[in-house]
Amino acid sequence: MGAGVPDIPPRAAWEALRDDPQAALVDVRTEAEWTFVGLPDLGAAGKQPVLVQWQLYPSMQLNGHFVEQLRKAGLTPLHKLYFLCRSGARSLAAAQAAQAAGFPHAFNIADGFEGPVDEEGHRGTRGGWKAEGLPWRQR
């Protein structure tokens, strides 16, 4: 867990997104991941995920406009921001950066969208948004 950024289980994040009008999901994966792996489906909560890359594909350099893009998406310090990546590592770094930039309510979705790898090196079977059975869709 990062300094000041709590890890939140995927189901708890989904419940917050569904129940709190100020809660927003920020998916910080790459464009390629959104396209080929899928996206959280927040339709039942009446929301869409905010898509802001933390690292830019294919170079994977940090997105120097990350905080500016959060603001452009309409997010404010009043929002509760739930950050999501593949496994929970990039989203933690992104949540810490957002917190440092004046978004005090930043949370990391533990195990991310696909969760940790299993014994066979596959994701999506041991935790994370998909394995929890939370709504998602192909782009």
C-alpha atoms as a PDB file:
ATOM      1  CA  MET A   1       0.000   0.000   0.000  1.00  0.00           C
ATOM      2  CA  GLY A   2       1.335   3.420  -0.936  1.00  0.00           C
ATOM      3  CA  ALA A   3       1.741   6.397   1.311  1.00  0.00           C
ATOM      4  CA  GLY A   4      -1.775   7.656   1.861  1.00  0.00           C
ATOM      5  CA  VAL A   5      -3.379   5.624  -0.941  1.00  0.00           C
ATOM      6  CA  PRO A   6      -5.501   2.754   0.386  1.00  0.00           C
ATOM      7  CA  ASP A   7      -5.922  -0.495  -1.522  1.00  0.00           C
ATOM      8  CA  ILE A   8      -9.626  -1.224  -2.069  1.00  0.00           C
ATOM      9  CA  PRO A   9     -10.959  -4.646  -3.095  1.00  0.00           C
ATOM     10  CA  PRO A  10     -12.611  -4.581  -6.543  1.00  0.00           C
ATOM     11  CA  ARG A  11     -16.092  -5.348  -5.184  1.00  0.00           C
ATOM     12  CA  ALA A  12     -15.882  -2.503  -2.633  1.00  0.00           C
ATOM     13  CA  ALA A  13     -14.777  -0.149  -5.406  1.00  0.00           C
ATOM     14  CA  TRP A  14     -17.733  -1.251  -7.569  1.00  0.00           C
ATOM     15  CA  GLU A  15     -20.151  -0.630  -4.676  1.00  0.00           C
ATOM     16  CA  ALA A  16     -18.690   2.848  -4.100  1.00  0.00           C
ATOM     17  CA  LEU A  17     -18.924   3.640  -7.824  1.00  0.00           C
ATOM     18  CA  ARG A  18     -22.537   2.443  -7.865  1.00  0.00           C
ATOM     19  CA  ASP A  19     -23.625   4.196  -4.659  1.00  0.00           C
ATOM     20  CA  ASP A  20     -21.605   7.436  -4.507  1.00  0.00           C
ATOM     21  CA  PRO A  21     -22.278  10.119  -7.141  1.00  0.00           C
ATOM     22  CA  GLN A  22     -18.814  11.602  -6.432  1.00  0.00           C
ATOM     23  CA  ALA A  23     -16.991   8.301  -7.127  1.00  0.00           C
ATOM     24  CA  ALA A  24     -15.202   7.872 -10.463  1.00  0.00           C
ATOM     25  CA  LEU A  25     -13.185   5.003 -11.924  1.00  0.00           C
ATOM     26  CA  VAL A  26      -9.945   6.037 -13.637  1.00  0.00           C
ATOM     27  CA  ASP A  27      -8.570   3.255 -15.840  1.00  0.00           C
ATOM     28  CA  VAL A  28      -4.855   4.023 -16.339  1.00  0.00           C
ATOM     29  CA  ARG A  29      -4.000   1.111 -18.652  1.00  0.00           C
ATOM     30  CA  THR A  30      -2.879   1.640 -22.235  1.00  0.00           C
ATOM     31  CA  GLU A  31      -5.051   2.146 -25.296  1.00  0.00           C
ATOM     32  CA  ALA A  32      -4.036  -1.363 -26.428  1.00  0.00           C
ATOM     33  CA  GLU A  33      -5.245  -2.886 -23.136  1.00  0.00           C
ATOM     34  CA  TRP A  34      -8.578  -1.052 -23.303  1.00  0.00           C
ATOM     35  CA  THR A  35      -9.058  -2.301 -26.856  1.00  0.00           C
ATOM     36  CA  PHE A  36      -7.878  -5.903 -26.559  1.00  0.00           C
ATOM     37  CA  VAL A  37      -8.495  -6.847 -22.905  1.00  0.00           C
ATOM     38  CA  GLY A  38     -11.747  -5.025 -22.171  1.00  0.00           C
ATOM     39  CA  LEU A  39     -13.106  -2.258 -19.971  1.00  0.00           C
ATOM     40  CA  PRO A  40     -15.075  -2.085 -16.724  1.00  0.00           C
ATOM     41  CA  ASP A  41     -18.739  -1.597 -17.606  1.00  0.00           C
ATOM     42  CA  LEU A  42     -20.196   1.030 -15.270  1.00  0.00           C
ATOM     43  CA  GLY A  43     -23.517   1.266 -17.083  1.00  0.00           C
ATOM     44  CA  ALA A  44     -25.427  -0.109 -14.080  1.00  0.00           C
ATOM     45  CA  ALA A  45     -23.955   2.767 -12.039  1.00  0.00           C
ATOM     46  CA  GLY A  46     -24.908   5.288 -14.732  1.00  0.00           C
ATOM     47  CA  LYS A  47     -21.236   6.098 -15.361  1.00  0.00           C
ATOM     48  CA  GLN A  48     -18.405   5.538 -17.801  1.00  0.00           C
ATOM     49  CA  PRO A  49     -14.796   4.806 -16.818  1.00  0.00           C
ATOM     50  CA  VAL A  50     -12.411   7.733 -17.229  1.00  0.00           C
ATOM     51  CA  LEU A  51      -9.651   6.524 -19.572  1.00  0.00           C
ATOM     52  CA  VAL A  52      -6.303   8.241 -18.946  1.00  0.00           C
ATOM     53  CA  GLN A  53      -3.099   6.343 -19.732  1.00  0.00           C
ATOM     54  CA  TRP A  54      -0.440   6.411 -17.002  1.00  0.00           C
ATOM     55  CA  GLN A  55       2.182   5.126 -19.442  1.00  0.00           C
ATOM     56  CA  LEU A  56       2.075   5.560 -23.202  1.00  0.00           C
ATOM     57  CA  TYR A  57       2.111   2.470 -25.413  1.00  0.00           C
ATOM     58  CA  PRO A  58       4.380   1.220 -26.955  1.00  0.00           C
ATOM     59  CA  SER A  59       7.266   3.170 -25.360  1.00  0.00           C
ATOM     60  CA  MET A  60       5.711   2.869 -21.871  1.00  0.00           C
ATOM     61  CA  GLN A  61       7.097   6.275 -20.931  1.00  0.00           C
ATOM     62  CA  LEU A  62       5.112   8.150 -18.292  1.00  0.00           C
ATOM     63  CA  ASN A  63       2.276  10.297 -19.597  1.00  0.00           C
ATOM     64  CA  GLY A  64       3.473  13.834 -18.843  1.00  0.00           C
ATOM     65  CA  HIS A  65      -0.098  15.164 -19.231  1.00  0.00           C
ATOM     66  CA  PHE A  66      -1.691  12.694 -16.809  1.00  0.00           C
ATOM     67  CA  VAL A  67      -2.913  15.191 -14.174  1.00  0.00           C
ATOM     68  CA  GLU A  68      -3.986  17.705 -16.816  1.00  0.00           C
ATOM     69  CA  GLN A  69      -6.020  14.948 -18.522  1.00  0.00           C
ATOM     70  CA  LEU A  70      -7.724  14.080 -15.217  1.00  0.00           C
ATOM     71  CA  ARG A  71      -8.806  17.702 -14.913  1.00  0.00           C
ATOM     72  CA  LYS A  72      -9.900  17.833 -18.578  1.00  0.00           C
ATOM     73  CA  ALA A  73     -12.093  14.781 -17.890  1.00  0.00           C
ATOM     74  CA  GLY A  74     -13.977  16.923 -15.363  1.00  0.00           C
ATOM     75  CA  LEU A  75     -12.512  15.398 -12.231  1.00  0.00           C
ATOM     76  CA  THR A  76     -12.092  17.668  -9.206  1.00  0.00           C
ATOM     77  CA  PRO A  77     -10.626  17.357  -5.689  1.00  0.00           C
ATOM     78  CA  LEU A  78     -14.183  16.569  -4.501  1.00  0.00           C
ATOM     79  CA  HIS A  79     -14.306  13.330  -6.481  1.00  0.00           C
ATOM     80  CA  LYS A  80     -13.356   9.991  -4.976  1.00  0.00           C
ATOM     81  CA  LEU A  81     -11.057   8.489  -7.600  1.00  0.00           C
ATOM     82  CA  TYR A  82     -10.676   4.719  -7.889  1.00  0.00           C
ATOM     83  CA  PHE A  83      -7.601   3.921  -9.994  1.00  0.00           C
ATOM     84  CA  LEU A  84      -7.427   0.692 -12.005  1.00  0.00           C
ATOM     85  CA  CYS A  85      -4.679  -0.962 -14.083  1.00  0.00           C
ATOM     86  CA  ARG A  86      -3.933  -4.575 -15.020  1.00  0.00           C
ATOM     87  CA  SER A  87      -2.646  -5.753 -11.634  1.00  0.00           C
ATOM     88  CA  GLY A  88      -2.614  -2.790  -9.239  1.00  0.00           C
ATOM     89  CA  ALA A  89       0.962  -1.485  -9.675  1.00  0.00           C
ATOM     90  CA  ARG A  90       0.561   1.323 -12.236  1.00  0.00           C
ATOM     91  CA  SER A  91      -2.731   2.378 -10.651  1.00  0.00           C
ATOM     92  CA  LEU A  92      -1.013   2.809  -7.275  1.00  0.00           C
ATOM     93  CA  ALA A  93       1.638   5.075  -8.837  1.00  0.00           C
ATOM     94  CA  ALA A  94      -1.088   7.011 -10.683  1.00  0.00           C
ATOM     95  CA  ALA A  95      -3.163   7.393  -7.500  1.00  0.00           C
ATOM     96  CA  GLN A  96      -0.110   8.687  -5.622  1.00  0.00           C
ATOM     97  CA  ALA A  97       0.569  11.213  -8.408  1.00  0.00           C
ATOM     98  CA  ALA A  98      -3.067  12.348  -8.387  1.00  0.00           C
ATOM     99  CA  GLN A  99      -3.003  12.727  -4.617  1.00  0.00           C
ATOM    100  CA  ALA A 100       0.211  14.783  -4.820  1.00  0.00           C
ATOM    101  CA  ALA A 101      -1.455  16.978  -7.492  1.00  0.00           C
ATOM    102  CA  GLY A 102      -4.382  17.885  -5.241  1.00  0.00           C
ATOM    103  CA  PHE A 103      -6.861  15.011  -5.594  1.00  0.00           C
ATOM    104  CA  PRO A 104      -7.039  13.937  -1.929  1.00  0.00           C
ATOM    105  CA  HIS A 105      -9.520  11.058  -2.320  1.00  0.00           C
ATOM    106  CA  ALA A 106      -7.453   8.585  -4.347  1.00  0.00           C
ATOM    107  CA  PHE A 107      -7.842   4.815  -4.015  1.00  0.00           C
ATOM    108  CA  ASN A 108      -6.058   1.903  -5.656  1.00  0.00           C
ATOM    109  CA  ILE A 109      -8.212  -1.015  -6.825  1.00  0.00           C
ATOM    110  CA  ALA A 110      -6.328  -4.025  -5.460  1.00  0.00           C
ATOM    111  CA  ASP A 111      -5.347  -6.657  -8.049  1.00  0.00           C
ATOM    112  CA  GLY A 112      -6.481  -4.411 -10.898  1.00  0.00           C
ATOM    113  CA  PHE A 113      -8.583  -5.528 -13.852  1.00  0.00           C
ATOM    114  CA  GLU A 114      -6.966  -8.918 -14.441  1.00  0.00           C
ATOM    115  CA  GLY A 115      -5.386  -9.768 -11.080  1.00  0.00           C
ATOM    116  CA  PRO A 116      -2.060 -11.481 -10.375  1.00  0.00           C
ATOM    117  CA  VAL A 117      -0.687 -14.310 -12.499  1.00  0.00           C
ATOM    118  CA  ASP A 118      -1.577 -17.887 -11.534  1.00  0.00           C
ATOM    119  CA  GLU A 119       0.713 -20.932 -11.536  1.00  0.00           C
ATOM    120  CA  GLU A 120       0.480 -21.148 -15.315  1.00  0.00           C
ATOM    121  CA  GLY A 121       1.277 -17.488 -15.867  1.00  0.00           C
ATOM    122  CA  HIS A 122      -2.295 -16.481 -16.724  1.00  0.00           C
ATOM    123  CA  ARG A 123      -4.182 -13.518 -15.328  1.00  0.00           C
ATOM    124  CA  GLY A 124      -7.891 -13.258 -14.635  1.00  0.00           C
ATOM    125  CA  THR A 125      -8.326 -16.319 -12.419  1.00  0.00           C
ATOM    126  CA  ARG A 126      -7.178 -15.127  -8.971  1.00  0.00           C
ATOM    127  CA  GLY A 127      -8.646 -11.788  -8.087  1.00  0.00           C
ATOM    128  CA  GLY A 128      -9.102  -8.523  -9.850  1.00  0.00           C
ATOM    129  CA  TRP A 129     -12.162  -6.918 -11.430  1.00  0.00           C
ATOM    130  CA  LYS A 130     -12.848  -9.690 -13.990  1.00  0.00           C
ATOM    131  CA  ALA A 131     -12.300 -12.656 -11.642  1.00  0.00           C
ATOM    132  CA  GLU A 132     -14.635 -11.043  -9.088  1.00  0.00           C
ATOM    133  CA  GLY A 133     -17.380 -11.241 -11.708  1.00  0.00           C
ATOM    134  CA  LEU A 134     -17.825  -7.480 -11.886  1.00  0.00           C
ATOM    135  CA  PRO A 135     -19.320  -6.016 -15.073  1.00  0.00           C
ATOM    136  CA  TRP A 136     -16.973  -5.515 -18.009  1.00  0.00           C
ATOM    137  CA  ARG A 137     -17.165  -5.437 -21.790  1.00  0.00           C
ATOM    138  CA  GLN A 138     -15.021  -5.638 -24.879  1.00  0.00           C
ATOM    139  CA  ARG A 139     -14.448  -2.284 -26.542  1.00  0.00           C
END
